[in-house]
Amino acid sequence: MPIYRTAFSKTAQKSFPYHYICEHCGKQNAGYFTLTGMASTEVAGRAGGLTQESETELQRQAEVSLYNVVNSRKAAIRKGKYGTALYGKEAEINANCVFCNRKQSWKTNKAIIDWSSYENADHNDKTTEQPQGITPENHVAIKIVRDSSFVGVALPTIISLNGVPVARIENGGSATISADITQPIVLQTNSVGSKYVRYELAVPSGASYGEVYVKGGVFKPKLTVWK
């Protein structure tokens, strides 16, 4: 008779903003990369779910896993190792300038990363549960998605945040930026002719991540979602 086992898993994630000045065109690039910790367990039989105590413990283990991943990533970056093979696509720091599309050498121009929301990540106690949260305090991650469109298909959409260009998005692409929620958040595209080329965001209380959609150089406010 086969022996059934049911697997359960939990993940913990944290996103970190980074920025750098392109060593070719001199413009500032900004974005987020995300690190993920994971924990899993198996229960004998066809279990429908974990007990509350077991679920809490599994989540704690995922947080500890994330803590170790953050430590590992920090150590690698300090040594100038920006590769993400061990961390996944979401952990990538985009070394191609979003404005001139030229790659950084990283020998003379390092990305500046804000680790402030995880300032205790160098602690040696590997079993200590670290503070939770997705973004640094008073900041929100905003993913801007450009819908595929035949209108202006060959032209990139330049996104400005409060008058400062922060992202260059090709047709069907996306970019994630960081914004300070203690200040007005006004996005604008490089298009003209519609009131929705400018979009002032209203971030709901408690939100740490949002998705904003653009089509034909125009924002689609009704499609905006917050988490």
C-alpha atoms as a PDB file:
ATOM      1  CA  MET A   1       0.000   0.000   0.000  1.00  0.00           C
ATOM      2  CA  PRO A   2       1.447   3.404  -0.946  1.00  0.00           C
ATOM      3  CA  ILE A   3       2.424   5.777   1.835  1.00  0.00           C
ATOM      4  CA  TYR A   4       1.027   9.236   1.233  1.00  0.00           C
ATOM      5  CA  ARG A   5       2.739  12.389   2.400  1.00  0.00           C
ATOM      6  CA  THR A   6       1.490  15.968   2.012  1.00  0.00           C
ATOM      7  CA  ALA A   7       3.954  18.776   1.401  1.00  0.00           C
ATOM      8  CA  PHE A   8       3.495  22.326   2.675  1.00  0.00           C
ATOM      9  CA  SER A   9       5.660  25.371   2.072  1.00  0.00           C
ATOM     10  CA  LYS A  10       5.924  29.013   3.076  1.00  0.00           C
ATOM     11  CA  THR A  11       7.859  31.899   1.558  1.00  0.00           C
ATOM     12  CA  ALA A  12       9.109  35.220   2.890  1.00  0.00           C
ATOM     13  CA  GLN A  13      10.133  38.088   0.605  1.00  0.00           C
ATOM     14  CA  LYS A  14      11.748  41.476   0.953  1.00  0.00           C
ATOM     15  CA  SER A  15      12.445  44.059  -1.748  1.00  0.00           C
ATOM     16  CA  PHE A  16      15.367  46.491  -1.681  1.00  0.00           C
ATOM     17  CA  PRO A  17      15.657  49.728  -3.681  1.00  0.00           C
ATOM     18  CA  TYR A  18      18.854  50.526  -5.531  1.00  0.00           C
ATOM     19  CA  HIS A  19      20.108  53.367  -7.692  1.00  0.00           C
ATOM     20  CA  TYR A  20      23.171  54.303  -9.680  1.00  0.00           C
ATOM     21  CA  ILE A  21      24.381  56.978 -12.064  1.00  0.00           C
ATOM     22  CA  CYS A  22      25.000  55.607 -15.556  1.00  0.00           C
ATOM     23  CA  GLU A  23      28.716  55.813 -16.284  1.00  0.00           C
ATOM     24  CA  HIS A  24      27.924  56.500 -19.954  1.00  0.00           C
ATOM     25  CA  CYS A  25      25.094  59.070 -20.088  1.00  0.00           C
ATOM     26  CA  GLY A  26      25.172  60.348 -16.488  1.00  0.00           C
ATOM     27  CA  LYS A  27      21.480  59.738 -15.740  1.00  0.00           C
ATOM     28  CA  GLN A  28      20.209  58.144 -12.552  1.00  0.00           C
ATOM     29  CA  ASN A  29      18.736  54.647 -12.727  1.00  0.00           C
ATOM     30  CA  ALA A  30      16.568  53.250  -9.947  1.00  0.00           C
ATOM     31  CA  GLY A  31      14.755  50.026  -9.258  1.00  0.00           C
ATOM     32  CA  TYR A  32      14.072  47.199  -6.840  1.00  0.00           C
ATOM     33  CA  PHE A  33      15.355  43.681  -6.490  1.00  0.00           C
ATOM     34  CA  THR A  34      13.593  41.033  -4.413  1.00  0.00           C
ATOM     35  CA  LEU A  35      15.048  38.255  -2.262  1.00  0.00           C
ATOM     36  CA  THR A  36      13.055  35.201  -1.228  1.00  0.00           C
ATOM     37  CA  GLY A  37      13.365  32.702   1.606  1.00  0.00           C
ATOM     38  CA  MET A  38      11.500  29.408   1.632  1.00  0.00           C
ATOM     39  CA  ALA A  39      10.718  26.628   4.086  1.00  0.00           C
ATOM     40  CA  SER A  40       8.878  23.362   3.542  1.00  0.00           C
ATOM     41  CA  THR A  41       7.707  20.371   5.512  1.00  0.00           C
ATOM     42  CA  GLU A  42       5.893  17.098   4.913  1.00  0.00           C
ATOM     43  CA  VAL A  43       3.083  15.518   6.902  1.00  0.00           C
ATOM     44  CA  ALA A  44       2.232  11.834   6.768  1.00  0.00           C
ATOM     45  CA  GLY A  45      -1.073  11.080   5.074  1.00  0.00           C
ATOM     46  CA  ARG A  46      -3.333  13.280   2.995  1.00  0.00           C
ATOM     47  CA  ALA A  47      -3.423  16.225   5.339  1.00  0.00           C
ATOM     48  CA  GLY A  48      -5.806  19.041   4.559  1.00  0.00           C
ATOM     49  CA  GLY A  49      -3.679  21.635   6.286  1.00  0.00           C
ATOM     50  CA  LEU A  50      -1.274  22.409   9.083  1.00  0.00           C
ATOM     51  CA  THR A  51      -2.150  23.257  12.637  1.00  0.00           C
ATOM     52  CA  GLN A  52      -1.886  26.941  13.502  1.00  0.00           C
ATOM     53  CA  GLU A  53       1.204  26.220  15.578  1.00  0.00           C
ATOM     54  CA  SER A  54       2.900  24.310  12.730  1.00  0.00           C
ATOM     55  CA  GLU A  55       1.982  26.987  10.206  1.00  0.00           C
ATOM     56  CA  THR A  56       3.462  29.698  12.421  1.00  0.00           C
ATOM     57  CA  GLU A  57       6.661  27.703  12.855  1.00  0.00           C
ATOM     58  CA  LEU A  58       6.953  27.090   9.103  1.00  0.00           C
ATOM     59  CA  GLN A  59       6.586  30.814   8.444  1.00  0.00           C
ATOM     60  CA  ARG A  60       9.261  31.521  11.052  1.00  0.00           C
ATOM     61  CA  GLN A  61      11.594  29.114   9.242  1.00  0.00           C
ATOM     62  CA  ALA A  62      10.897  30.923   5.952  1.00  0.00           C
ATOM     63  CA  GLU A  63      11.846  34.225   7.621  1.00  0.00           C
ATOM     64  CA  VAL A  64      15.083  32.670   8.884  1.00  0.00           C
ATOM     65  CA  SER A  65      15.779  31.389   5.365  1.00  0.00           C
ATOM     66  CA  LEU A  66      15.227  34.903   3.998  1.00  0.00           C
ATOM     67  CA  TYR A  67      17.559  36.283   6.661  1.00  0.00           C
ATOM     68  CA  ASN A  68      20.322  33.948   5.481  1.00  0.00           C
ATOM     69  CA  VAL A  69      19.678  34.773   1.817  1.00  0.00           C
ATOM     70  CA  VAL A  70      19.943  38.499   2.554  1.00  0.00           C
ATOM     71  CA  ASN A  71      23.232  37.957   4.378  1.00  0.00           C
ATOM     72  CA  SER A  72      24.580  35.952   1.454  1.00  0.00           C
ATOM     73  CA  ARG A  73      23.492  38.537  -1.111  1.00  0.00           C
ATOM     74  CA  LYS A  74      24.963  41.412   0.885  1.00  0.00           C
ATOM     75  CA  ALA A  75      28.300  39.637   1.224  1.00  0.00           C
ATOM     76  CA  ALA A  76      28.432  38.911  -2.513  1.00  0.00           C
ATOM     77  CA  ILE A  77      27.586  42.495  -3.512  1.00  0.00           C
ATOM     78  CA  ARG A  78      30.228  43.887  -1.173  1.00  0.00           C
ATOM     79  CA  LYS A  79      32.754  41.814  -3.110  1.00  0.00           C
ATOM     80  CA  GLY A  80      31.467  43.240  -6.395  1.00  0.00           C
ATOM     81  CA  LYS A  81      29.668  40.042  -7.351  1.00  0.00           C
ATOM     82  CA  TYR A  82      26.340  41.089  -8.822  1.00  0.00           C
ATOM     83  CA  GLY A  83      25.389  37.733 -10.381  1.00  0.00           C
ATOM     84  CA  THR A  84      21.984  36.296  -9.440  1.00  0.00           C
ATOM     85  CA  ALA A  85      22.229  32.633 -10.420  1.00  0.00           C
ATOM     86  CA  LEU A  86      21.653  31.564  -6.813  1.00  0.00           C
ATOM     87  CA  TYR A  87      18.863  34.046  -6.140  1.00  0.00           C
ATOM     88  CA  GLY A  88      16.599  34.041  -9.194  1.00  0.00           C
ATOM     89  CA  LYS A  89      15.551  36.608 -11.790  1.00  0.00           C
ATOM     90  CA  GLU A  90      13.799  38.873  -9.276  1.00  0.00           C
ATOM     91  CA  ALA A  91      17.112  39.416  -7.457  1.00  0.00           C
ATOM     92  CA  GLU A  92      18.722  40.953 -10.529  1.00  0.00           C
ATOM     93  CA  ILE A  93      20.130  44.474 -10.518  1.00  0.00           C
ATOM     94  CA  ASN A  94      19.594  45.884 -13.986  1.00  0.00           C
ATOM     95  CA  ALA A  95      23.042  46.941 -15.186  1.00  0.00           C
ATOM     96  CA  ASN A  96      21.697  48.202 -18.524  1.00  0.00           C
ATOM     97  CA  CYS A  97      20.887  51.902 -18.321  1.00  0.00           C
ATOM     98  CA  VAL A  98      17.166  52.418 -18.980  1.00  0.00           C
ATOM     99  CA  PHE A  99      17.958  55.607 -20.889  1.00  0.00           C
ATOM    100  CA  CYS A 100      20.956  54.829 -23.135  1.00  0.00           C
ATOM    101  CA  ASN A 101      20.720  51.011 -22.832  1.00  0.00           C
ATOM    102  CA  ARG A 102      24.477  50.701 -22.284  1.00  0.00           C
ATOM    103  CA  LYS A 103      25.813  48.213 -19.760  1.00  0.00           C
ATOM    104  CA  GLN A 104      27.707  49.361 -16.686  1.00  0.00           C
ATOM    105  CA  SER A 105      31.230  48.112 -16.092  1.00  0.00           C
ATOM    106  CA  TRP A 106      30.599  48.028 -12.289  1.00  0.00           C
ATOM    107  CA  LYS A 107      34.339  48.521 -11.877  1.00  0.00           C
ATOM    108  CA  THR A 108      34.039  52.256 -11.341  1.00  0.00           C
ATOM    109  CA  ASN A 109      30.319  52.661 -10.674  1.00  0.00           C
ATOM    110  CA  LYS A 110      28.683  50.499  -8.005  1.00  0.00           C
ATOM    111  CA  ALA A 111      24.952  50.320  -7.412  1.00  0.00           C
ATOM    112  CA  ILE A 112      23.936  51.956  -4.141  1.00  0.00           C
ATOM    113  CA  ILE A 113      21.564  49.666  -2.284  1.00  0.00           C
ATOM    114  CA  ASP A 114      19.313  50.680   0.581  1.00  0.00           C
ATOM    115  CA  TRP A 115      19.564  47.872   3.149  1.00  0.00           C
ATOM    116  CA  SER A 116      18.071  50.047   5.889  1.00  0.00           C
ATOM    117  CA  SER A 117      14.897  48.006   6.287  1.00  0.00           C
ATOM    118  CA  TYR A 118      17.033  44.973   7.105  1.00  0.00           C
ATOM    119  CA  GLU A 119      19.828  46.633   9.051  1.00  0.00           C
ATOM    120  CA  ASN A 120      20.281  43.673  11.403  1.00  0.00           C
ATOM    121  CA  ALA A 121      20.916  41.200   8.583  1.00  0.00           C
ATOM    122  CA  ASP A 122      24.576  40.803   9.586  1.00  0.00           C
ATOM    123  CA  HIS A 123      23.701  39.386  12.994  1.00  0.00           C
ATOM    124  CA  ASN A 124      25.299  36.005  13.644  1.00  0.00           C
ATOM    125  CA  ASP A 125      22.262  34.391  15.245  1.00  0.00           C
ATOM    126  CA  LYS A 126      20.908  32.324  12.350  1.00  0.00           C
ATOM    127  CA  THR A 127      17.806  31.265  14.268  1.00  0.00           C
ATOM    128  CA  THR A 128      16.558  34.740  15.135  1.00  0.00           C
ATOM    129  CA  GLU A 129      13.413  35.758  13.314  1.00  0.00           C
ATOM    130  CA  GLN A 130      14.063  39.086  11.604  1.00  0.00           C
ATOM    131  CA  PRO A 131      11.614  41.996  11.185  1.00  0.00           C
ATOM    132  CA  GLN A 132       9.053  41.435   8.470  1.00  0.00           C
ATOM    133  CA  GLY A 133       8.097  43.836   5.690  1.00  0.00           C
ATOM    134  CA  ILE A 134       8.383  44.220   1.938  1.00  0.00           C
ATOM    135  CA  THR A 135       9.739  47.733   1.481  1.00  0.00           C
ATOM    136  CA  PRO A 136      11.734  50.215   3.569  1.00  0.00           C
ATOM    137  CA  GLU A 137       9.703  52.406   5.872  1.00  0.00           C
ATOM    138  CA  ASN A 138       7.857  55.237   4.084  1.00  0.00           C
ATOM    139  CA  HIS A 139       8.563  53.742   0.645  1.00  0.00           C
ATOM    140  CA  VAL A 140       6.410  51.858  -1.828  1.00  0.00           C
ATOM    141  CA  ALA A 141       7.457  49.720  -4.782  1.00  0.00           C
ATOM    142  CA  ILE A 142       5.596  50.609  -7.988  1.00  0.00           C
ATOM    143  CA  LYS A 143       5.684  48.308 -10.981  1.00  0.00           C
ATOM    144  CA  ILE A 144       4.816  50.154 -14.188  1.00  0.00           C
ATOM    145  CA  VAL A 145       3.596  47.866 -16.965  1.00  0.00           C
ATOM    146  CA  ARG A 146       3.453  48.997 -20.578  1.00  0.00           C
ATOM    147  CA  ASP A 147       0.772  47.141 -22.522  1.00  0.00           C
ATOM    148  CA  SER A 148       1.612  45.906 -26.010  1.00  0.00           C
ATOM    149  CA  SER A 149       0.233  48.389 -28.514  1.00  0.00           C
ATOM    150  CA  PHE A 150       0.631  49.216 -32.203  1.00  0.00           C
ATOM    151  CA  VAL A 151       0.574  52.900 -31.205  1.00  0.00           C
ATOM    152  CA  GLY A 152       4.163  54.120 -30.916  1.00  0.00           C
ATOM    153  CA  VAL A 153       5.419  50.530 -30.855  1.00  0.00           C
ATOM    154  CA  ALA A 154       8.970  51.550 -31.805  1.00  0.00           C
ATOM    155  CA  LEU A 155       9.223  54.359 -29.254  1.00  0.00           C
ATOM    156  CA  PRO A 156      10.150  53.734 -25.615  1.00  0.00           C
ATOM    157  CA  THR A 157       7.960  55.147 -22.875  1.00  0.00           C
ATOM    158  CA  ILE A 158       9.977  57.359 -20.531  1.00  0.00           C
ATOM    159  CA  ILE A 159       8.532  57.492 -17.027  1.00  0.00           C
ATOM    160  CA  SER A 160       9.259  60.491 -14.813  1.00  0.00           C
ATOM    161  CA  LEU A 161       8.690  60.583 -11.059  1.00  0.00           C
ATOM    162  CA  ASN A 162       8.051  64.110  -9.777  1.00  0.00           C
ATOM    163  CA  GLY A 163       9.718  65.508 -12.881  1.00  0.00           C
ATOM    164  CA  VAL A 164      12.796  63.245 -12.779  1.00  0.00           C
ATOM    165  CA  PRO A 165      13.145  60.469 -15.426  1.00  0.00           C
ATOM    166  CA  VAL A 166      13.379  57.119 -13.621  1.00  0.00           C
ATOM    167  CA  ALA A 167      12.515  54.406 -16.156  1.00  0.00           C
ATOM    168  CA  ARG A 168      12.550  53.568 -19.862  1.00  0.00           C
ATOM    169  CA  ILE A 169       9.999  50.914 -20.890  1.00  0.00           C
ATOM    170  CA  GLU A 170       9.828  49.186 -24.249  1.00  0.00           C
ATOM    171  CA  ASN A 171       6.573  47.922 -25.785  1.00  0.00           C
ATOM    172  CA  GLY A 172       5.218  45.080 -23.631  1.00  0.00           C
ATOM    173  CA  GLY A 173       7.843  45.648 -20.934  1.00  0.00           C
ATOM    174  CA  SER A 174       7.799  46.856 -17.342  1.00  0.00           C
ATOM    175  CA  ALA A 175       9.917  48.618 -14.737  1.00  0.00           C
ATOM    176  CA  THR A 176       9.774  48.817 -10.949  1.00  0.00           C
ATOM    177  CA  ILE A 177      10.598  52.035  -9.141  1.00  0.00           C
ATOM    178  CA  SER A 178      10.747  53.184  -5.524  1.00  0.00           C
ATOM    179  CA  ALA A 179       8.746  56.156  -4.241  1.00  0.00           C
ATOM    180  CA  ASP A 180       8.606  57.979  -0.923  1.00  0.00           C
ATOM    181  CA  ILE A 181       4.993  57.996   0.285  1.00  0.00           C
ATOM    182  CA  THR A 182       5.639  60.999   2.519  1.00  0.00           C
ATOM    183  CA  GLN A 183       5.913  63.082  -0.664  1.00  0.00           C
ATOM    184  CA  PRO A 184       3.437  63.529  -3.556  1.00  0.00           C
ATOM    185  CA  ILE A 185       3.901  60.764  -6.126  1.00  0.00           C
ATOM    186  CA  VAL A 186       3.346  62.120  -9.621  1.00  0.00           C
ATOM    187  CA  LEU A 187       4.140  59.948 -12.634  1.00  0.00           C
ATOM    188  CA  GLN A 188       4.344  61.284 -16.173  1.00  0.00           C
ATOM    189  CA  THR A 189       5.080  59.787 -19.583  1.00  0.00           C
ATOM    190  CA  ASN A 190       6.845  61.366 -22.543  1.00  0.00           C
ATOM    191  CA  SER A 191       3.583  61.471 -24.518  1.00  0.00           C
ATOM    192  CA  VAL A 192       1.282  64.460 -25.119  1.00  0.00           C
ATOM    193  CA  GLY A 193      -2.370  65.046 -25.903  1.00  0.00           C
ATOM    194  CA  SER A 194      -4.134  63.423 -22.935  1.00  0.00           C
ATOM    195  CA  LYS A 195      -4.664  64.395 -19.315  1.00  0.00           C
ATOM    196  CA  TYR A 196      -3.597  60.874 -18.363  1.00  0.00           C
ATOM    197  CA  VAL A 197      -0.010  61.331 -19.477  1.00  0.00           C
ATOM    198  CA  ARG A 198       0.245  62.672 -15.907  1.00  0.00           C
ATOM    199  CA  TYR A 199      -0.932  60.537 -12.993  1.00  0.00           C
ATOM    200  CA  GLU A 200      -0.824  61.507  -9.311  1.00  0.00           C
ATOM    201  CA  LEU A 201      -0.994  58.357  -7.212  1.00  0.00           C
ATOM    202  CA  ALA A 202      -2.985  57.978  -4.023  1.00  0.00           C
ATOM    203  CA  VAL A 203      -1.315  55.165  -2.073  1.00  0.00           C
ATOM    204  CA  PRO A 204      -3.711  53.376   0.313  1.00  0.00           C
ATOM    205  CA  SER A 205      -2.656  53.114   3.944  1.00  0.00           C
ATOM    206  CA  GLY A 206      -0.620  49.962   4.556  1.00  0.00           C
ATOM    207  CA  ALA A 207       0.206  49.332   0.885  1.00  0.00           C
ATOM    208  CA  SER A 208       3.833  48.465   0.067  1.00  0.00           C
ATOM    209  CA  TYR A 209       3.467  47.484  -3.590  1.00  0.00           C
ATOM    210  CA  GLY A 210       1.447  48.750  -6.525  1.00  0.00           C
ATOM    211  CA  GLU A 211       1.023  48.067 -10.228  1.00  0.00           C
ATOM    212  CA  VAL A 212       0.325  50.876 -12.695  1.00  0.00           C
ATOM    213  CA  TYR A 213      -0.543  50.319 -16.349  1.00  0.00           C
ATOM    214  CA  VAL A 214       0.318  52.391 -19.406  1.00  0.00           C
ATOM    215  CA  LYS A 215      -0.990  51.972 -22.953  1.00  0.00           C
ATOM    216  CA  GLY A 216      -0.083  54.175 -25.884  1.00  0.00           C
ATOM    217  CA  GLY A 217       1.811  56.502 -23.558  1.00  0.00           C
ATOM    218  CA  VAL A 218      -1.287  57.066 -21.397  1.00  0.00           C
ATOM    219  CA  PHE A 219      -1.860  55.846 -17.833  1.00  0.00           C
ATOM    220  CA  LYS A 220      -4.881  53.650 -17.098  1.00  0.00           C
ATOM    221  CA  PRO A 221      -5.818  54.628 -13.511  1.00  0.00           C
ATOM    222  CA  LYS A 222      -8.733  52.176 -13.311  1.00  0.00           C
ATOM    223  CA  LEU A 223      -6.307  49.272 -13.712  1.00  0.00           C
ATOM    224  CA  THR A 224      -4.055  50.334 -10.820  1.00  0.00           C
ATOM    225  CA  VAL A 225      -3.836  47.770  -7.997  1.00  0.00           C
ATOM    226  CA  TRP A 226      -2.275  47.995  -4.527  1.00  0.00           C
ATOM    227  CA  LYS A 227      -1.129  45.267  -2.150  1.00  0.00           C
END
